[in-house]
């Protein structure tokens, strides 16, 4: 009777450096070839566990960047797995993808019973155009002088894709955003008092994944608000 190897007697490799190589067609459809590498054995004399180099692949889709997981994080598994032929470490998806969906590609051991069987994830991928957040500087005022009791609305319009989140903060303290939508925020200074004077920052931020590597970008714009008491200056 042959005993089943224990975890210490054989090695089950991890799937590492999972890379999606896209071909984007003029109509916006995307064909993807997936490739990965096997983790290196620390002990070169250790044998691979039986079946540990057979793989399955799948893809998980997300409609919005805000709900995507972190890079290489397995938040949920694919609805369907596809078995990779032989012991290949690459696979071309027959399903055509698109340029407006976020994707995480996963590679797992075909045989879930091999020692240390696991599922491994790629970066978050997006094959469409992305642009880091910036603020429109057209006709902007960096210094605003007001008298006590005056009103002023200060718009802050941001560009970028995905559409940036925009907010105002005062001296990097508590948020003072008044109104906001996908790409603009208006600082409302109503019936100002001397306490409203100070530095305000409009901060635009979005999250990019293209090129691969999930990261946030921010772009600040500073304005200085001076408030004078007309009675005292008169």
Protein backbone atom coordinates (compact mmCIF):
# COMPACT_ATOMS: atom_id res chain seq x y z
CA UNK A 1 0.00 0.00 0.00
CA UNK A 2 1.52 3.32 -1.11
CA UNK A 3 1.14 6.15 1.37
CA UNK A 4 -0.02 9.59 0.26
CA UNK A 5 2.85 12.12 0.45
CA UNK A 6 2.59 14.63 3.26
CA UNK A 7 3.08 18.36 2.89
CA UNK A 8 6.69 18.00 4.01
CA UNK A 9 7.46 15.23 1.48
CA UNK A 10 6.42 16.98 -1.72
CA UNK A 11 5.99 20.44 -3.12
CA UNK A 12 2.90 22.08 -4.59
CA UNK A 13 3.90 25.21 -6.52
CA UNK A 14 2.06 28.50 -6.39
CA UNK A 15 0.99 30.33 -9.52
CA UNK A 16 2.93 33.61 -9.51
CA UNK A 17 3.27 36.67 -11.75
CA UNK A 18 -0.12 36.05 -13.33
CA UNK A 19 -0.15 38.30 -16.39
CA UNK A 20 -2.95 39.06 -18.84
CA UNK A 21 -1.66 39.93 -22.32
CA UNK A 22 -4.47 41.69 -24.22
CA UNK A 23 -5.17 42.22 -27.87
CA UNK A 24 -7.65 45.07 -28.29
CA UNK A 25 -9.67 45.14 -31.49
CA UNK A 26 -10.90 48.36 -33.17
CA UNK A 27 -14.47 47.66 -32.02
CA UNK A 28 -13.37 47.61 -28.36
CA UNK A 29 -13.50 43.84 -27.83
CA UNK A 30 -10.50 42.24 -26.15
CA UNK A 31 -8.83 38.86 -26.53
CA UNK A 32 -6.62 37.80 -23.62
CA UNK A 33 -3.77 35.35 -23.27
CA UNK A 34 -3.03 34.52 -19.65
CA UNK A 35 0.44 33.44 -18.50
CA UNK A 36 1.94 32.64 -15.11
CA UNK A 37 5.06 31.22 -13.48
CA UNK A 38 5.54 28.50 -10.92
CA UNK A 39 7.01 29.35 -7.55
CA UNK A 40 10.52 28.05 -7.01
CA UNK A 41 11.17 25.15 -4.66
CA UNK A 42 13.33 26.06 -1.68
CA UNK A 43 14.58 22.47 -1.60
CA UNK A 44 15.60 21.37 -5.09
CA UNK A 45 15.58 17.72 -3.99
CA UNK A 46 11.91 17.82 -3.05
CA UNK A 47 9.60 16.28 -5.60
CA UNK A 48 6.49 17.96 -6.92
CA UNK A 49 3.28 16.59 -5.45
CA UNK A 50 1.35 14.41 -7.86
CA UNK A 51 -1.00 16.54 -9.95
CA UNK A 52 0.28 19.79 -8.47
CA UNK A 53 1.27 21.20 -11.87
CA UNK A 54 -2.17 20.86 -13.44
CA UNK A 55 -4.17 24.06 -13.46
CA UNK A 56 -7.57 25.61 -13.92
CA UNK A 57 -8.25 29.24 -14.81
CA UNK A 58 -11.15 31.63 -14.48
CA UNK A 59 -12.04 35.30 -14.57
CA UNK A 60 -14.04 37.44 -12.14
CA UNK A 61 -15.68 40.63 -13.42
CA UNK A 62 -16.47 43.91 -11.67
CA UNK A 63 -18.49 46.81 -13.05
CA UNK A 64 -16.87 49.53 -10.95
CA UNK A 65 -13.38 50.20 -9.59
CA UNK A 66 -14.79 50.85 -6.11
CA UNK A 67 -15.83 47.22 -5.64
CA UNK A 68 -12.67 45.57 -6.96
CA UNK A 69 -10.40 43.72 -4.52
CA UNK A 70 -6.77 44.54 -3.81
CA UNK A 71 -4.09 43.28 -6.16
CA UNK A 72 -3.65 39.48 -5.97
CA UNK A 73 -6.58 39.21 -3.56
CA UNK A 74 -9.12 36.43 -4.01
CA UNK A 75 -12.37 38.03 -2.88
CA UNK A 76 -14.60 35.58 -4.75
CA UNK A 77 -14.04 32.81 -7.24
CA UNK A 78 -15.11 32.60 -10.88
CA UNK A 79 -18.56 31.38 -11.80
CA UNK A 80 -16.87 28.88 -14.09
CA UNK A 81 -13.43 27.29 -14.18
CA UNK A 82 -11.69 26.13 -17.36
CA UNK A 83 -9.17 23.29 -17.22
CA UNK A 84 -5.77 24.11 -18.72
CA UNK A 85 -4.48 21.41 -21.09
CA UNK A 86 -1.46 19.35 -20.07
CA UNK A 87 0.85 21.20 -17.66
CA UNK A 88 0.73 24.46 -19.57
CA UNK A 89 1.36 27.73 -17.73
CA UNK A 90 -0.54 29.83 -20.22
CA UNK A 91 -4.07 29.94 -21.54
CA UNK A 92 -5.91 31.92 -24.23
CA UNK A 93 -9.49 32.79 -23.33
CA UNK A 94 -12.02 32.00 -26.03
CA UNK A 95 -14.51 34.44 -24.49
CA UNK A 96 -14.10 37.98 -25.79
CA UNK A 97 -13.77 40.63 -23.08
CA UNK A 98 -14.32 44.41 -23.31
CA UNK A 99 -12.78 47.77 -22.43
CA UNK A 100 -15.32 48.92 -19.83
CA UNK A 101 -15.22 46.09 -17.27
CA UNK A 102 -12.68 45.38 -14.53
CA UNK A 103 -11.19 41.89 -14.46
CA UNK A 104 -9.31 39.68 -12.01
CA UNK A 105 -7.83 36.51 -13.49
CA UNK A 106 -7.39 33.51 -11.25
CA UNK A 107 -5.29 30.37 -11.50
CA UNK A 108 -5.93 27.42 -9.21
CA UNK A 109 -4.79 23.84 -8.80
CA UNK A 110 -6.97 21.55 -10.88
CA UNK A 111 -6.92 18.92 -8.13
CA UNK A 112 -8.10 20.55 -4.92
CA UNK A 113 -6.85 17.54 -2.95
CA UNK A 114 -3.14 18.07 -3.61
CA UNK A 115 -1.25 19.32 -0.56
CA UNK A 116 -1.45 23.10 -0.16
CA UNK A 117 -3.81 23.43 -3.11
CA UNK A 118 -4.76 27.04 -3.66
CA UNK A 119 -6.23 29.74 -5.87
CA UNK A 120 -4.07 32.67 -6.93
CA UNK A 121 -5.13 36.00 -8.38
CA UNK A 122 -3.72 38.55 -10.78
CA UNK A 123 -3.71 42.32 -10.54
CA UNK A 124 -6.98 44.07 -11.26
CA UNK A 125 -7.11 44.67 -15.03
CA UNK A 126 -8.93 47.30 -17.06
CA UNK A 127 -8.32 47.42 -20.81
CA UNK A 128 -9.89 50.81 -21.50
CA UNK A 129 -8.42 54.29 -21.24
CA UNK A 130 -7.57 55.61 -17.80
CA UNK A 131 -6.36 59.04 -16.75
CA UNK A 132 -5.19 60.22 -13.35
CA UNK A 133 -7.12 62.91 -11.54
CA UNK A 134 -6.32 66.54 -12.29
CA UNK A 135 -8.08 69.81 -11.53
CA UNK A 136 -9.17 72.27 -14.21
CA UNK A 137 -7.15 75.42 -13.60
CA UNK A 138 -9.07 77.63 -16.07
CA UNK A 139 -10.01 80.98 -14.50
CA UNK A 140 -9.28 79.76 -11.01
CA UNK A 141 -8.57 82.14 -8.12
CA UNK A 142 -5.88 81.20 -5.64
CA UNK A 143 -6.66 84.06 -3.25
CA UNK A 144 -10.20 85.24 -2.42
CA UNK A 145 -10.80 88.44 -0.43
CA UNK A 146 -14.18 88.81 1.28
CA UNK A 147 -15.86 91.04 3.83
CA UNK A 148 -17.82 89.69 6.77
CA UNK A 149 -21.32 88.72 5.67
CA UNK A 150 -20.49 88.16 2.00
CA UNK A 151 -21.19 84.97 0.05
CA UNK A 152 -18.99 83.19 -2.45
CA UNK A 153 -19.24 79.88 -4.33
CA UNK A 154 -15.95 78.34 -5.40
CA UNK A 155 -16.25 75.50 -7.94
CA UNK A 156 -13.61 72.84 -8.31
CA UNK A 157 -13.86 70.81 -11.51
CA UNK A 158 -11.77 67.67 -11.89
CA UNK A 159 -10.84 65.62 -14.93
CA UNK A 160 -9.78 62.00 -15.14
CA UNK A 161 -11.11 58.50 -15.63
CA UNK A 162 -12.53 56.82 -13.65
CA UNK A 163 -14.35 60.06 -12.74
CA UNK A 164 -12.52 61.52 -9.73
CA UNK A 165 -14.03 61.95 -6.30
CA UNK A 166 -13.76 65.61 -5.34
CA UNK A 167 -14.01 67.24 -1.92
CA UNK A 168 -12.99 70.39 -0.09
CA UNK A 169 -11.12 70.40 3.21
CA UNK A 170 -9.96 73.32 5.32
CA UNK A 171 -6.33 73.21 6.43
CA UNK A 172 -6.43 69.41 5.98
CA UNK A 173 -8.89 69.28 8.84
CA UNK A 174 -12.56 68.48 8.78
CA UNK A 175 -14.28 68.09 5.42
CA UNK A 176 -16.28 71.09 4.27
CA UNK A 177 -17.64 69.84 0.95
CA UNK A 178 -21.06 71.37 0.31
CA UNK A 179 -22.25 69.91 -2.96
CA UNK A 180 -20.58 67.34 -5.17
CA UNK A 181 -21.25 65.00 -8.05
CA UNK A 182 -19.06 62.65 -10.06
CA UNK A 183 -16.47 65.21 -11.07
CA UNK A 184 -17.11 68.56 -9.41
CA UNK A 185 -17.47 70.03 -5.97
CA UNK A 186 -18.53 73.53 -4.95
CA UNK A 187 -17.32 75.19 -1.78
CA UNK A 188 -20.13 77.36 -0.49
CA UNK A 189 -19.00 80.25 1.70
CA UNK A 190 -22.20 81.83 3.00
CA UNK A 191 -22.41 84.89 5.25
CA UNK A 192 -18.74 84.52 6.06
CA UNK A 193 -17.28 85.36 9.43
CA UNK A 194 -13.70 85.95 10.48
CA UNK A 195 -13.52 82.28 11.44
CA UNK A 196 -14.05 81.30 7.78
CA UNK A 197 -10.67 82.76 6.82
CA UNK A 198 -7.87 80.32 6.08
CA UNK A 199 -6.53 77.85 3.56
CA UNK A 200 -8.90 75.51 1.74
CA UNK A 201 -7.91 72.55 -0.39
CA UNK A 202 -9.84 70.98 -3.19
CA UNK A 203 -8.66 67.39 -3.53
CA UNK A 204 -9.46 65.23 -6.56
CA UNK A 205 -8.68 61.53 -6.39
CA UNK A 206 -9.31 58.39 -8.41
CA UNK A 207 -8.01 54.84 -8.56
CA UNK A 208 -6.09 53.48 -11.53
CA UNK A 209 -5.20 49.90 -12.45
CA UNK A 210 -3.75 50.44 -15.91
CA UNK A 211 -0.86 49.72 -16.22
CA UNK A 212 -1.40 46.85 -13.76
CA UNK A 213 -1.01 47.73 -10.12
CA UNK A 214 -3.92 49.21 -8.19
CA UNK A 215 -3.05 52.69 -6.97
CA UNK A 216 -4.74 55.92 -5.97
CA UNK A 217 -3.91 59.30 -7.45
CA UNK A 218 -4.63 62.65 -5.82
CA UNK A 219 -4.38 66.22 -7.03
CA UNK A 220 -4.76 69.13 -4.57
CA UNK A 221 -5.57 72.77 -5.28
CA UNK A 222 -5.10 75.33 -2.52
CA UNK A 223 -6.96 78.62 -2.15
CA UNK A 224 -6.54 81.21 0.59
CA UNK A 225 -9.64 83.00 1.87
CA UNK A 226 -9.11 86.35 3.56
CA UNK A 227 -12.03 87.84 5.51
CA UNK A 228 -12.13 91.43 6.72
CA UNK A 229 -14.58 93.17 9.01
CA UNK A 230 -15.77 96.22 7.07
CA UNK A 231 -16.73 98.06 10.26
CA UNK A 232 -13.26 97.70 11.74
CA UNK A 233 -11.47 98.56 8.48
CA UNK A 234 -13.67 101.60 7.94
